[in-house]
């Protein structure tokens, strides 16, 4: 399965938090 998601972050810190949450999830293989 492939999935593309558009994220609207309010700040760089918010974007970093989202990135960490995604990369830390066991079902997520790649985050660009």
PDB file of N, CA and C in Angstrom:
ATOM      1  N   UNK A   1       0.854  -1.178   0.000  1.00  0.00           N
ATOM      2  CA  UNK A   1       0.000   0.000   0.000  1.00  0.00           C
ATOM      3  C   UNK A   1       0.891   1.229   0.000  1.00  0.00           C
ATOM      4  N   UNK A   2       0.524   2.213  -0.802  1.00  0.00           N
ATOM      5  CA  UNK A   2       1.213   3.502  -0.799  1.00  0.00           C
ATOM      6  C   UNK A   2       0.243   4.581  -0.360  1.00  0.00           C
ATOM      7  N   UNK A   3       0.760   5.587   0.289  1.00  0.00           N
ATOM      8  CA  UNK A   3      -0.090   6.659   0.790  1.00  0.00           C
ATOM      9  C   UNK A   3       0.664   7.971   0.712  1.00  0.00           C
ATOM     10  N   UNK A   4       0.009   8.981   0.176  1.00  0.00           N
ATOM     11  CA  UNK A   4       0.575  10.328   0.152  1.00  0.00           C
ATOM     12  C   UNK A   4      -0.294  11.220   1.024  1.00  0.00           C
ATOM     13  N   UNK A   5       0.340  11.969   1.910  1.00  0.00           N
ATOM     14  CA  UNK A   5      -0.386  12.838   2.840  1.00  0.00           C
ATOM     15  C   UNK A   5       0.220  14.229   2.783  1.00  0.00           C
ATOM     16  N   UNK A   6      -0.631  15.241   2.727  1.00  0.00           N
ATOM     17  CA  UNK A   6      -0.178  16.629   2.807  1.00  0.00           C
ATOM     18  C   UNK A   6      -0.376  17.110   4.242  1.00  0.00           C
ATOM     19  N   UNK A   7       0.686  17.654   4.828  1.00  0.00           N
ATOM     20  CA  UNK A   7       0.640  18.111   6.219  1.00  0.00           C
ATOM     21  C   UNK A   7       0.825  19.621   6.251  1.00  0.00           C
ATOM     22  N   UNK A   8      -0.016  20.301   6.998  1.00  0.00           N
ATOM     23  CA  UNK A   8       0.124  21.747   7.197  1.00  0.00           C
ATOM     24  C   UNK A   8       0.564  21.985   8.641  1.00  0.00           C
ATOM     25  N   UNK A   9       1.828  22.291   8.796  1.00  0.00           N
ATOM     26  CA  UNK A   9       2.386  22.513  10.132  1.00  0.00           C
ATOM     27  C   UNK A   9       2.363  24.007  10.447  1.00  0.00           C
ATOM     28  N   UNK A  10       2.211  24.327  11.709  1.00  0.00           N
ATOM     29  CA  UNK A  10       2.152  25.717  12.153  1.00  0.00           C
ATOM     30  C   UNK A  10       3.536  26.312  12.403  1.00  0.00           C
ATOM     31  N   UNK A  11       4.533  25.448  12.554  1.00  0.00           N
ATOM     32  CA  UNK A  11       5.892  25.918  12.820  1.00  0.00           C
ATOM     33  C   UNK A  11       6.871  24.796  12.495  1.00  0.00           C
ATOM     34  N   UNK A  12       8.140  25.111  12.497  1.00  0.00           N
ATOM     35  CA  UNK A  12       9.166  24.087  12.273  1.00  0.00           C
ATOM     36  C   UNK A  12       9.117  23.046  13.391  1.00  0.00           C
ATOM     37  N   UNK A  13       8.888  23.505  14.614  1.00  0.00           N
ATOM     38  CA  UNK A  13       8.795  22.591  15.750  1.00  0.00           C
ATOM     39  C   UNK A  13       7.623  21.625  15.570  1.00  0.00           C
ATOM     40  N   UNK A  14       6.494  22.137  15.109  1.00  0.00           N
ATOM     41  CA  UNK A  14       5.317  21.304  14.853  1.00  0.00           C
ATOM     42  C   UNK A  14       5.632  20.260  13.777  1.00  0.00           C
ATOM     43  N   UNK A  15       6.295  20.685  12.710  1.00  0.00           N
ATOM     44  CA  UNK A  15       6.680  19.769  11.633  1.00  0.00           C
ATOM     45  C   UNK A  15       7.635  18.693  12.158  1.00  0.00           C
ATOM     46  N   UNK A  16       8.593  19.081  12.980  1.00  0.00           N
ATOM     47  CA  UNK A  16       9.535  18.119  13.562  1.00  0.00           C
ATOM     48  C   UNK A  16       8.808  17.100  14.446  1.00  0.00           C
ATOM     49  N   UNK A  17       7.820  17.565  15.212  1.00  0.00           N
ATOM     50  CA  UNK A  17       7.038  16.660  16.066  1.00  0.00           C
ATOM     51  C   UNK A  17       6.268  15.647  15.226  1.00  0.00           C
ATOM     52  N   UNK A  18       5.676  16.108  14.128  1.00  0.00           N
ATOM     53  CA  UNK A  18       4.941  15.215  13.227  1.00  0.00           C
ATOM     54  C   UNK A  18       5.891  14.192  12.621  1.00  0.00           C
ATOM     55  N   UNK A  19       7.052  14.649  12.182  1.00  0.00           N
ATOM     56  CA  UNK A  19       8.050  13.757  11.581  1.00  0.00           C
ATOM     57  C   UNK A  19       8.483  12.675  12.572  1.00  0.00           C
ATOM     58  N   UNK A  20       8.749  13.075  13.803  1.00  0.00           N
ATOM     59  CA  UNK A  20       9.166  12.104  14.830  1.00  0.00           C
ATOM     60  C   UNK A  20       8.055  11.093  15.115  1.00  0.00           C
ATOM     61  N   UNK A  21       6.818  11.561  15.156  1.00  0.00           N
ATOM     62  CA  UNK A  21       5.696  10.654  15.406  1.00  0.00           C
ATOM     63  C   UNK A  21       5.557   9.636  14.275  1.00  0.00           C
ATOM     64  N   UNK A  22       5.709  10.097  13.041  1.00  0.00           N
ATOM     65  CA  UNK A  22       5.583   9.189  11.897  1.00  0.00           C
ATOM     66  C   UNK A  22       6.736   8.196  11.841  1.00  0.00           C
ATOM     67  N   UNK A  23       7.957   8.680  12.001  1.00  0.00           N
ATOM     68  CA  UNK A  23       9.113   7.783  11.899  1.00  0.00           C
ATOM     69  C   UNK A  23       9.172   6.806  13.072  1.00  0.00           C
ATOM     70  N   UNK A  24       8.544   7.141  14.178  1.00  0.00           N
ATOM     71  CA  UNK A  24       8.535   6.255  15.333  1.00  0.00           C
ATOM     72  C   UNK A  24       7.460   5.182  15.280  1.00  0.00           C
ATOM     73  N   UNK A  25       6.556   5.284  14.308  1.00  0.00           N
ATOM     74  CA  UNK A  25       5.452   4.323  14.216  1.00  0.00           C
ATOM     75  C   UNK A  25       5.924   3.052  13.512  1.00  0.00           C
ATOM     76  N   UNK A  26       5.623   1.869  14.059  1.00  0.00           N
ATOM     77  CA  UNK A  26       6.119   0.620  13.479  1.00  0.00           C
ATOM     78  C   UNK A  26       5.562   0.303  12.085  1.00  0.00           C
ATOM     79  N   UNK A  27       4.424   0.880  11.718  1.00  0.00           N
ATOM     80  CA  UNK A  27       3.838   0.586  10.405  1.00  0.00           C
ATOM     81  C   UNK A  27       4.336   1.534   9.317  1.00  0.00           C
ATOM     82  N   UNK A  28       5.089   2.557   9.697  1.00  0.00           N
ATOM     83  CA  UNK A  28       5.608   3.532   8.733  1.00  0.00           C
ATOM     84  C   UNK A  28       7.024   3.120   8.346  1.00  0.00           C
ATOM     85  N   UNK A  29       7.233   2.930   7.054  1.00  0.00           N
ATOM     86  CA  UNK A  29       8.545   2.481   6.571  1.00  0.00           C
ATOM     87  C   UNK A  29       9.403   3.634   6.065  1.00  0.00           C
ATOM     88  N   UNK A  30       8.793   4.629   5.390  1.00  0.00           N
ATOM     89  CA  UNK A  30       9.550   5.730   4.789  1.00  0.00           C
ATOM     90  C   UNK A  30       8.800   7.035   5.019  1.00  0.00           C
ATOM     91  N   UNK A  31       9.524   8.063   5.425  1.00  0.00           N
ATOM     92  CA  UNK A  31       8.970   9.412   5.558  1.00  0.00           C
ATOM     93  C   UNK A  31       9.910  10.347   4.825  1.00  0.00           C
ATOM     94  N   UNK A  32       9.374  11.101   3.882  1.00  0.00           N
ATOM     95  CA  UNK A  32      10.199  12.048   3.118  1.00  0.00           C
ATOM     96  C   UNK A  32       9.919  13.463   3.562  1.00  0.00           C
TER      97      UNK A  32
END
